[in-house]
Protein backbone atom coordinates (compact mmCIF):
# COMPACT_ATOMS: atom_id res chain seq x y z
CA MET A 1 41.45 20.10 -45.92
CA ALA A 2 39.41 22.48 -48.37
CA ASP A 3 39.64 25.55 -46.29
CA THR A 4 43.00 24.87 -44.34
CA THR A 5 41.94 28.46 -42.33
CA GLY A 6 38.38 28.06 -41.51
CA PHE A 7 39.45 27.50 -37.97
CA LEU A 8 40.95 31.41 -37.93
CA LYS A 9 38.17 32.66 -39.19
CA HIS A 10 35.24 30.83 -37.73
CA ALA A 11 34.14 30.28 -33.93
CA ARG A 12 32.38 27.16 -32.97
CA ARG A 13 28.72 27.36 -32.93
CA GLU A 14 27.05 25.33 -29.80
CA ILE A 15 23.74 24.05 -30.84
CA GLU A 16 20.62 24.94 -29.10
CA HIS A 17 18.69 23.19 -26.84
CA ARG A 18 14.49 23.77 -26.45
CA PRO A 19 13.48 26.30 -24.21
CA LEU A 20 13.77 24.72 -20.81
CA ARG A 21 9.75 26.06 -19.13
CA GLU A 22 8.69 23.76 -22.69
CA ARG A 23 11.04 20.88 -22.35
CA VAL A 24 10.38 19.85 -18.75
CA ARG A 25 6.96 19.41 -19.96
CA ASP A 26 7.41 16.07 -21.79
CA PHE A 27 10.03 13.26 -22.96
CA GLN A 28 10.61 15.16 -26.41
CA GLU A 29 14.10 15.36 -27.46
CA VAL A 30 16.02 18.22 -26.36
CA ASN A 31 18.37 19.55 -28.66
CA LEU A 32 17.76 21.03 -31.81
CA PRO A 33 19.41 20.56 -35.35
CA LEU A 34 21.75 23.43 -36.47
CA PRO A 35 21.03 24.49 -39.90
CA GLN A 36 22.79 23.26 -42.89
CA ASP A 37 25.00 26.21 -43.93
CA VAL A 38 25.89 26.34 -40.31
CA LEU A 39 27.27 22.88 -40.56
CA VAL A 40 29.02 23.65 -43.29
CA THR A 41 30.91 26.39 -41.82
CA GLN A 42 31.63 24.44 -38.82
CA ALA A 43 33.04 21.60 -41.02
CA SER A 44 35.56 24.00 -42.23
CA ARG A 45 36.86 24.47 -38.88
CA CYS A 46 38.56 21.28 -39.02
CA MET A 47 42.09 22.05 -39.43
CA ASP A 48 44.94 20.02 -41.36
CA CYS A 49 46.21 19.36 -38.17
CA GLY A 50 48.65 16.37 -40.03
CA ILE A 51 48.02 13.97 -37.24
CA PRO A 52 44.23 13.73 -36.33
CA PHE A 53 43.83 12.58 -32.83
CA CYS A 54 40.26 12.73 -33.11
CA HIS A 55 39.99 9.48 -34.84
CA GLY A 56 42.89 8.04 -33.78
CA ALA A 57 43.11 8.51 -29.85
CA GLY A 58 39.52 10.21 -29.43
CA CYS A 59 37.53 8.06 -31.46
CA PRO A 60 36.64 4.42 -30.06
CA VAL A 61 34.90 3.50 -33.07
CA GLN A 62 37.53 4.62 -35.67
CA ASN A 63 35.16 6.94 -37.51
CA ARG A 64 37.18 9.54 -40.25
CA ILE A 65 36.34 12.52 -39.03
CA PRO A 66 38.37 14.90 -40.83
CA GLU A 67 37.42 13.28 -44.06
CA PHE A 68 34.08 13.46 -43.73
CA ASN A 69 34.24 16.96 -42.31
CA ASP A 70 35.79 17.89 -45.78
CA LEU A 71 33.22 16.24 -47.90
CA ILE A 72 30.53 18.20 -45.64
CA TYR A 73 32.32 20.97 -46.78
CA ARG A 74 32.49 20.53 -50.21
CA GLY A 75 28.74 19.56 -50.22
CA ARG A 76 29.40 16.14 -50.98
CA TRP A 77 26.76 14.76 -48.45
CA ARG A 78 26.11 11.48 -49.86
CA GLU A 79 29.63 10.83 -49.60
CA ALA A 80 30.11 11.79 -45.99
CA SER A 81 27.89 9.37 -45.30
CA GLU A 82 28.98 6.38 -46.78
CA ASN A 83 32.42 7.30 -44.98
CA LEU A 84 30.63 7.72 -41.76
CA HIS A 85 28.88 4.02 -42.13
CA SER A 86 32.38 2.34 -43.14
CA THR A 87 33.12 2.70 -39.49
CA ASN A 88 29.83 3.06 -37.46
CA ASN A 89 26.58 1.05 -38.21
CA PHE A 90 24.46 3.91 -36.07
CA PRO A 91 26.09 7.30 -36.21
CA GLU A 92 22.60 8.80 -35.56
CA ILE A 93 22.71 7.15 -32.02
CA THR A 94 26.37 8.31 -31.14
CA GLY A 95 25.99 11.72 -32.55
CA ARG A 96 23.04 11.97 -29.91
CA VAL A 97 24.35 10.25 -26.85
CA CYS A 98 28.28 9.83 -27.36
CA PRO A 99 30.11 12.08 -24.95
CA ALA A 100 32.42 12.71 -27.73
CA PRO A 101 35.49 12.19 -26.71
CA CYS A 102 37.03 13.24 -30.45
CA GLU A 103 36.04 16.90 -29.57
CA ALA A 104 38.15 16.17 -26.52
CA SER A 105 41.14 15.31 -28.20
CA CYS A 106 40.69 17.82 -31.20
CA THR A 107 43.73 19.23 -32.17
CA LEU A 108 42.05 22.48 -31.90
CA ASN A 109 41.01 22.39 -28.29
CA ILE A 110 45.01 22.33 -26.98
CA ASN A 111 44.04 26.57 -27.28
CA ASP A 112 40.48 26.94 -28.66
CA ASP A 113 36.92 25.52 -28.99
CA PRO A 114 36.55 22.16 -30.88
CA VAL A 115 35.08 21.19 -33.73
CA LEU A 116 31.52 20.13 -33.53
CA ILE A 117 32.32 16.49 -34.73
CA LYS A 118 29.23 15.00 -32.62
CA HIS A 119 26.76 17.30 -34.09
CA ILE A 120 28.09 17.69 -37.44
CA GLU A 121 28.04 13.22 -37.66
CA GLN A 122 24.25 13.04 -36.57
CA GLN A 123 23.06 15.50 -38.73
CA ILE A 124 25.25 13.44 -41.98
CA VAL A 125 22.88 10.47 -41.38
CA GLU A 126 19.73 12.52 -40.57
CA ARG A 127 20.34 13.85 -43.87
CA ALA A 128 20.77 10.50 -45.73
CA TRP A 129 17.68 9.42 -43.87
CA ARG A 130 15.87 11.71 -45.30
CA GLU A 131 17.13 12.08 -48.71
CA GLY A 132 17.09 8.13 -48.78
CA TRP A 133 20.31 7.48 -49.17
CA ILE A 134 20.11 4.89 -46.28
CA THR A 135 18.94 1.32 -47.45
CA PRO A 136 19.36 -2.11 -47.09
CA LEU A 137 22.71 -3.85 -47.29
CA ILE A 138 20.95 -7.39 -48.71
CA ALA A 139 24.11 -10.02 -49.20
CA ARG A 140 24.45 -11.51 -52.79
CA ARG A 141 25.09 -14.72 -51.59
CA ARG A 142 24.09 -16.82 -48.62
CA THR A 143 26.84 -18.95 -46.50
CA GLY A 144 24.23 -21.78 -45.28
CA ARG A 145 25.88 -20.51 -41.48
CA ARG A 146 23.91 -19.83 -38.54
CA VAL A 147 24.79 -17.32 -35.74
CA ALA A 148 22.81 -16.80 -32.70
CA ILE A 149 23.24 -13.16 -30.63
CA VAL A 150 22.33 -12.42 -27.53
CA GLY A 151 22.06 -9.14 -26.43
CA SER A 152 20.42 -6.40 -28.41
CA GLY A 153 22.47 -3.06 -27.24
CA PRO A 154 24.93 -1.23 -29.83
CA ALA A 155 27.48 -4.45 -29.41
CA GLY A 156 24.82 -6.59 -30.52
CA LEU A 157 23.01 -4.70 -33.04
CA ALA A 158 26.41 -3.81 -34.73
CA ALA A 159 27.20 -7.33 -34.80
CA ALA A 160 24.16 -8.86 -36.15
CA GLN A 161 24.46 -6.51 -39.04
CA GLN A 162 27.76 -6.69 -40.18
CA LEU A 163 27.04 -10.89 -39.60
CA ALA A 164 23.56 -10.64 -42.08
CA ARG A 165 25.68 -8.26 -44.44
CA SER A 166 28.44 -10.90 -44.71
CA GLY A 167 25.38 -13.32 -45.79
CA HIS A 168 25.54 -15.70 -42.43
CA ASP A 169 21.81 -16.17 -41.06
CA VAL A 170 21.39 -14.19 -38.27
CA VAL A 171 19.08 -14.62 -35.16
CA LEU A 172 19.39 -12.23 -32.07
CA PHE A 173 17.70 -12.98 -28.59
CA GLU A 174 16.51 -10.12 -26.40
CA LYS A 175 15.20 -10.96 -22.58
CA SER A 176 13.20 -7.51 -22.72
CA ASP A 177 9.35 -7.92 -24.86
CA ARG A 178 11.20 -5.03 -27.32
CA ILE A 179 14.94 -4.97 -29.13
CA GLY A 180 17.25 -2.29 -28.45
CA GLY A 181 19.16 -3.29 -24.51
CA LEU A 182 20.14 -0.46 -23.27
CA LEU A 183 19.22 1.83 -25.99
CA ARG A 184 15.96 1.15 -25.38
CA TYR A 185 15.20 0.95 -21.82
CA GLY A 186 18.24 2.76 -20.01
CA ILE A 187 18.45 6.19 -21.76
CA PRO A 188 15.46 8.37 -21.75
CA GLU A 189 13.50 9.39 -24.70
CA PHE A 190 14.89 13.22 -24.57
CA LYS A 191 18.03 12.07 -25.29
CA LEU A 192 16.96 9.35 -27.47
CA ASP A 193 13.83 9.20 -29.60
CA LYS A 194 13.25 5.23 -29.93
CA ARG A 195 11.87 5.71 -33.51
CA ILE A 196 15.12 6.25 -34.19
CA ILE A 197 16.30 2.76 -32.92
CA ASP A 198 12.79 1.23 -34.72
CA ARG A 199 14.16 3.37 -38.16
CA ARG A 200 17.61 1.37 -38.15
CA LEU A 201 16.01 -2.17 -37.42
CA GLU A 202 13.68 -1.92 -40.28
CA GLN A 203 17.13 -1.72 -42.43
CA MET A 204 17.94 -4.68 -40.42
CA ARG A 205 15.11 -7.12 -40.71
CA ALA A 206 15.27 -6.42 -44.52
CA GLU A 207 18.83 -7.51 -44.69
CA GLY A 208 18.02 -10.72 -43.35
CA VAL A 209 18.08 -10.25 -39.10
CA GLN A 210 15.92 -12.52 -36.85
CA PHE A 211 14.34 -10.49 -33.70
CA HIS A 212 13.49 -12.73 -31.32
CA PRO A 213 12.55 -10.79 -27.55
CA GLY A 214 11.20 -11.71 -24.84
CA VAL A 215 13.66 -14.84 -24.72
CA THR A 216 15.94 -15.50 -21.60
CA VAL A 217 18.84 -17.12 -22.83
CA GLY A 218 19.76 -19.39 -19.98
CA GLU A 219 16.29 -19.73 -18.93
CA ASP A 220 14.09 -20.47 -21.79
CA VAL A 221 16.36 -21.47 -24.13
CA SER A 222 19.91 -23.25 -23.13
CA VAL A 223 23.69 -22.27 -24.25
CA ARG A 224 23.47 -26.08 -24.91
CA TYR A 225 20.48 -25.77 -26.85
CA LEU A 226 22.24 -22.61 -29.00
CA LYS A 227 25.76 -24.09 -29.44
CA ARG A 228 23.80 -27.12 -30.74
CA THR A 229 21.26 -25.29 -33.10
CA PHE A 230 23.66 -22.55 -34.83
CA ASP A 231 27.39 -22.79 -35.73
CA ALA A 232 28.35 -20.10 -33.46
CA VAL A 233 26.94 -18.03 -30.52
CA LEU A 234 27.81 -14.33 -29.54
CA LEU A 235 26.93 -12.87 -26.02
CA ALA A 236 26.33 -9.02 -26.19
CA MET A 237 24.22 -8.97 -22.81
CA GLY A 238 26.42 -5.87 -21.24
CA ALA A 239 27.31 -5.24 -17.90
CA THR A 240 24.04 -4.96 -16.39
CA GLU A 241 24.48 -5.70 -12.65
CA PRO A 242 24.48 -2.87 -10.63
CA ARG A 243 26.44 -1.31 -7.70
CA ASP A 244 24.31 -1.41 -4.91
CA LEU A 245 24.65 0.72 -1.30
CA ASN A 246 25.49 -1.56 1.31
CA VAL A 247 23.57 0.80 4.37
CA GLU A 248 21.66 0.38 7.19
CA GLY A 249 17.77 1.16 5.60
CA ARG A 250 18.57 -0.43 2.13
CA GLU A 251 15.67 -2.35 1.92
CA LEU A 252 12.94 -0.01 2.66
CA ALA A 253 10.61 0.97 -0.06
CA ASN A 254 11.12 4.21 -2.53
CA VAL A 255 14.84 3.09 -2.61
CA HIS A 256 15.38 1.63 -5.94
CA PHE A 257 17.76 1.17 -8.75
CA ALA A 258 18.17 3.94 -11.60
CA MET A 259 17.79 1.38 -14.39
CA ASP A 260 14.79 0.38 -12.95
CA PHE A 261 13.41 3.90 -13.18
CA LEU A 262 14.56 4.81 -16.21
CA THR A 263 13.43 1.59 -17.70
CA GLN A 264 9.70 2.20 -16.59
CA GLN A 265 9.40 5.74 -17.54
CA ASN A 266 10.73 4.56 -20.90
CA ARG A 267 7.87 1.78 -20.79
CA ILE A 268 5.14 3.84 -19.88
CA ASN A 269 6.26 6.78 -23.30
CA ALA A 270 6.03 3.51 -25.22
CA GLY A 271 2.85 2.58 -23.84
CA ASP A 272 3.08 0.45 -21.46
CA ASP A 273 0.18 0.17 -18.70
CA ILE A 274 2.49 0.20 -15.01
CA PRO A 275 0.64 -1.24 -11.97
CA GLU A 276 0.30 1.38 -9.52
CA GLU A 277 1.58 -0.58 -6.61
CA LYS A 278 4.78 -0.82 -9.03
CA LEU A 279 4.72 2.37 -10.30
CA ILE A 280 8.04 4.34 -9.37
CA SER A 281 7.49 8.05 -9.08
CA ALA A 282 8.88 11.21 -8.29
CA LYS A 283 6.11 13.01 -8.27
CA ASP A 284 5.80 16.21 -5.89
CA ARG A 285 8.66 14.09 -4.31
CA CYS A 286 11.95 15.10 -2.88
CA VAL A 287 14.50 13.11 -5.01
CA VAL A 288 17.92 12.20 -4.04
CA VAL A 289 19.82 10.61 -6.91
CA ILE A 290 23.21 9.07 -5.71
CA GLY A 291 25.88 8.90 -8.03
CA GLY A 292 27.38 12.15 -10.33
CA GLY A 293 27.44 10.49 -13.82
CA ASP A 294 24.99 9.83 -17.06
CA THR A 295 22.90 7.52 -15.39
CA GLY A 296 22.08 10.01 -12.31
CA SER A 297 22.31 13.11 -14.96
CA ASP A 298 19.36 10.93 -16.90
CA CYS A 299 17.43 10.28 -13.67
CA VAL A 300 17.56 13.90 -12.92
CA GLY A 301 16.05 14.64 -15.89
CA THR A 302 13.47 12.12 -15.55
CA ALA A 303 12.54 12.98 -12.29
CA ILE A 304 11.76 16.77 -12.91
CA ARG A 305 9.33 15.48 -15.75
CA GLN A 306 7.39 13.86 -13.51
CA GLY A 307 6.91 16.36 -11.06
CA ALA A 308 9.57 15.85 -8.70
CA ARG A 309 9.09 18.64 -5.66
CA GLU A 310 13.15 18.48 -5.32
CA VAL A 311 15.83 16.94 -7.00
CA HIS A 312 19.29 16.06 -5.46
CA GLN A 313 22.39 14.58 -6.67
CA PHE A 314 24.76 13.43 -4.75
CA GLU A 315 28.73 12.74 -5.93
CA ILE A 316 31.25 10.85 -3.43
CA LEU A 317 33.76 11.96 -5.56
CA PRO A 318 35.21 15.65 -5.39
CA GLU A 319 34.13 18.16 -7.60
CA PRO A 320 36.17 18.30 -10.96
CA PRO A 321 37.87 21.83 -12.14
CA LYS A 322 35.64 23.61 -14.35
CA ASP A 323 37.83 24.36 -17.18
CA GLU A 324 40.93 22.44 -17.55
CA ASN A 325 42.08 19.62 -15.73
CA PRO A 326 45.97 19.24 -15.20
CA GLU A 327 45.44 15.62 -14.38
CA THR A 328 43.26 14.86 -17.37
CA PRO A 329 46.03 16.86 -20.58
CA TRP A 330 44.79 17.11 -24.17
CA PRO A 331 44.57 14.51 -25.81
CA LEU A 332 42.81 12.77 -22.63
CA TRP A 333 39.37 12.80 -22.27
CA PRO A 334 39.13 15.42 -19.42
CA ARG A 335 37.40 15.12 -15.43
CA ILE A 336 36.24 18.59 -15.66
CA LEU A 337 32.66 19.86 -14.35
CA ARG A 338 30.14 19.09 -16.66
CA THR A 339 26.91 20.58 -16.65
CA SER A 340 23.91 18.52 -18.43
CA THR A 341 20.45 19.60 -19.97
CA SER A 342 18.77 17.67 -17.01
CA HIS A 343 21.36 19.56 -14.48
CA GLU A 344 19.56 23.42 -15.94
CA GLU A 345 16.62 22.00 -15.53
CA GLY A 346 16.67 22.28 -11.52
CA CYS A 347 18.77 20.11 -9.59
CA GLN A 348 21.31 20.83 -6.77
CA ARG A 349 24.43 18.99 -6.46
CA ARG A 350 27.18 17.92 -3.82
CA TRP A 351 30.02 16.18 -4.29
CA SER A 352 32.51 14.72 -1.43
CA VAL A 353 29.58 13.17 -0.16
CA LEU A 354 29.60 9.74 1.68
CA THR A 355 25.55 7.90 2.41
CA LYS A 356 25.70 6.32 5.84
CA SER A 357 22.14 5.13 6.27
CA LEU A 358 18.46 5.43 5.26
CA THR A 359 15.75 5.55 7.69
CA GLY A 360 12.40 5.71 7.86
CA ARG A 361 8.51 4.72 9.27
CA ARG A 362 6.06 1.98 7.68
CA GLY A 363 8.65 0.24 5.55
CA SER A 364 9.47 3.83 3.33
CA VAL A 365 12.14 5.75 3.40
CA GLU A 366 12.36 9.49 4.82
CA GLN A 367 15.34 10.08 5.80
CA LEU A 368 18.80 10.27 4.23
CA HIS A 369 21.98 10.65 6.70
CA GLY A 370 25.54 11.72 5.60
CA VAL A 371 28.81 13.10 5.92
CA GLU A 372 31.18 14.88 3.84
CA VAL A 373 34.41 13.22 2.73
CA ARG A 374 38.12 14.38 2.53
CA TRP A 375 39.97 12.91 -0.51
CA ALA A 376 43.81 12.54 -0.11
CA PRO A 377 46.60 10.36 -2.00
CA GLY A 378 47.48 6.70 -0.36
CA GLU A 379 49.85 4.12 -0.93
CA ASN A 380 46.86 2.24 -3.32
CA GLY A 381 45.70 5.30 -4.90
CA PRO A 382 43.46 8.09 -3.57
CA GLY A 383 41.12 7.20 -0.54
CA PHE A 384 38.12 9.31 1.94
CA SER A 385 38.06 10.48 5.12
CA GLU A 386 35.15 11.51 6.91
CA VAL A 387 35.01 15.21 7.69
CA PRO A 388 34.26 15.65 11.48
CA GLY A 389 31.16 17.82 12.37
CA THR A 390 29.85 17.52 8.82
CA GLU A 391 27.22 15.19 9.37
CA PHE A 392 23.75 15.89 8.25
CA SER A 393 20.40 14.58 7.66
CA MET A 394 17.46 15.35 5.03
CA LYS A 395 14.28 14.59 4.55
CA VAL A 396 13.67 12.55 1.26
CA ASP A 397 10.71 10.82 -0.21
CA LEU A 398 12.68 8.52 -3.02
CA VAL A 399 15.94 7.28 -3.75
CA LEU A 400 17.93 6.67 -6.72
CA LEU A 401 20.88 4.88 -7.34
CA ALA A 402 22.65 5.42 -10.23
CA MET A 403 26.52 4.10 -8.96
CA GLY A 404 27.67 2.31 -11.82
CA PHE A 405 27.51 -1.13 -13.23
CA VAL A 406 30.19 -3.61 -12.03
CA HIS A 407 29.48 -6.33 -14.35
CA VAL A 408 27.63 -9.06 -16.64
CA GLU A 409 24.87 -10.76 -14.63
CA HIS A 410 26.47 -14.00 -13.46
CA GLY A 411 23.51 -16.15 -13.30
CA GLY A 412 21.55 -17.90 -15.70
CA LEU A 413 23.72 -18.05 -18.52
CA ILE A 414 27.24 -17.42 -17.56
CA GLU A 415 27.02 -20.02 -14.77
CA SER A 416 25.29 -22.70 -16.92
CA ALA A 417 27.47 -22.24 -19.56
CA ASP A 418 30.84 -22.46 -17.36
CA LEU A 419 32.42 -19.24 -18.90
CA GLU A 420 36.00 -17.87 -17.69
CA CYS A 421 35.59 -14.27 -16.31
CA ASP A 422 38.17 -11.83 -14.96
CA LYS A 423 39.01 -10.60 -11.75
CA ARG A 424 36.22 -7.36 -12.17
CA GLY A 425 33.65 -10.45 -13.76
CA ASN A 426 33.59 -9.25 -16.93
CA LEU A 427 33.96 -12.46 -19.47
CA THR A 428 37.59 -13.44 -20.63
CA VAL A 429 38.20 -13.38 -24.16
CA GLY A 430 41.03 -13.78 -26.02
CA ASP A 431 42.22 -11.44 -29.49
CA ASP A 432 39.53 -12.99 -31.59
CA TYR A 433 36.85 -12.21 -28.76
CA ARG A 434 36.37 -15.86 -28.58
CA THR A 435 35.72 -17.07 -24.72
CA ASN A 436 36.84 -20.53 -22.95
CA GLU A 437 33.91 -22.28 -24.71
CA PRO A 438 33.90 -23.39 -28.44
CA ASP A 439 32.12 -21.54 -30.65
CA VAL A 440 31.17 -19.41 -28.50
CA PHE A 441 32.14 -15.38 -29.13
CA ALA A 442 31.88 -12.37 -26.69
CA ALA A 443 32.17 -8.45 -26.96
CA GLY A 444 30.62 -4.98 -25.78
CA ASP A 445 30.35 -4.36 -22.14
CA THR A 446 30.12 -8.33 -21.12
CA VAL A 447 33.81 -8.27 -22.14
CA LEU A 448 34.75 -4.48 -21.42
CA GLY A 449 32.60 -4.01 -18.03
CA ALA A 450 30.46 -0.45 -18.29
CA SER A 451 31.36 1.07 -21.13
CA LEU A 452 30.59 3.90 -23.88
CA VAL A 453 28.25 3.11 -27.12
CA VAL A 454 30.84 4.14 -29.61
CA ARG A 455 33.26 1.18 -27.73
CA ALA A 456 30.24 -1.36 -27.86
CA ILE A 457 29.85 -0.78 -31.54
CA TYR A 458 33.16 -1.32 -32.07
CA THR A 459 34.08 -4.50 -30.22
CA GLY A 460 30.69 -5.75 -32.09
CA ARG A 461 32.14 -5.46 -35.34
CA GLN A 462 35.10 -6.98 -34.23
CA ALA A 463 33.79 -9.29 -32.85
CA GLY A 464 31.12 -10.28 -36.05
CA ASP A 465 34.06 -10.19 -38.56
CA ALA A 466 35.91 -12.84 -35.68
CA VAL A 467 32.86 -14.33 -36.02
CA ASP A 468 32.93 -14.50 -39.92
CA ARG A 469 36.55 -15.55 -39.97
CA HIS A 470 35.57 -18.61 -37.80
CA LEU A 471 32.71 -19.79 -40.29
CA ARG A 472 34.74 -19.25 -43.15
CA GLY A 473 37.55 -21.42 -41.80
């Protein structure tokens, strides 16, 4: 590294956010970029640690983090961008929405604050866009081979870009009316401005990728047709089957899956008209979000922006430690208490809460009935039991289920193609990302189950390389 003592001279500088009272009135991005000179100073904190766990154990997409930090410190921003793009097709996206396991595994994080890796990554690519360094990389020769990709989330997009740059004719099918999958409809605008996606899609179109939104494979076109028409098929539909709440009253009105709520708001932001009878609105309502993960946090921020009267978030797991957790030591991803910008905007959080039932009149939810639980180790792992005397009921007008996703949707495409799944319901593939069907490959959450954007990008790139090797014999 250029400054081997930078971590001794400079403290970590956290990114800033738009003022709370201002940002809750719109859906514009919350984070504010740091000045360039500050980024250079922050990059100088990257120490010459010898074994950089940040990009070994910490970064699923295997970004070469010490290298681009060193390039930034030396003022070689264009080379830093090229370095970053050598492992990551969409650093402008991961620099916004990745939870940054690289920072958790930074060597400095043993007894100090880690390097500001995630924000540096985002600002490298943003400068590259401003300077015009990011241009279409068009293949010099076409192979004449055709590849169909199903799903336009991060895995499908990464695979499509890699295959197009290898000279193949790539056609990407998406069941939604716009390209982007989870990036488009599952992540709120205040975390990821959708113009960021559109900017990258224009590059991919110039590289030869053909997009076909509004096409449901398994209904509008069959897998048999794709296999007959294309030389290879890559499935990247994601893990979109939500985990449901199996309690009395689940069928009441105003009880919705989180993704339906988030998708609708993203459609409204895009200019779509939603019929009033189908509108899922938190305005002037008492909202309960069940599920304490990122999706639940996104629901909190969206409900607040819609004008919710109160927002509560329940998590069945116990409250994690605030600082260090001996169960997840460095360089593992620490299970500690995290407070998002959405939580800061006004949310009452409770842990170790089990929802027992929902009740209401005239077909609409009005009350949530719950109980606190106590967790204890067991033969088959931790388990919980209800704590006597902690039963409670509360008034509620809108319940959002954000308890995660179980696996890829099995109806239609998976069943019609007779594809094999594992015990968890994910598609089974070999080391070459090939399914049990000849010429059919799979990647992303379709194979992994619900996971991180960076893992989806990595498996999309790897699957794209596997398809390329297959087509070239």
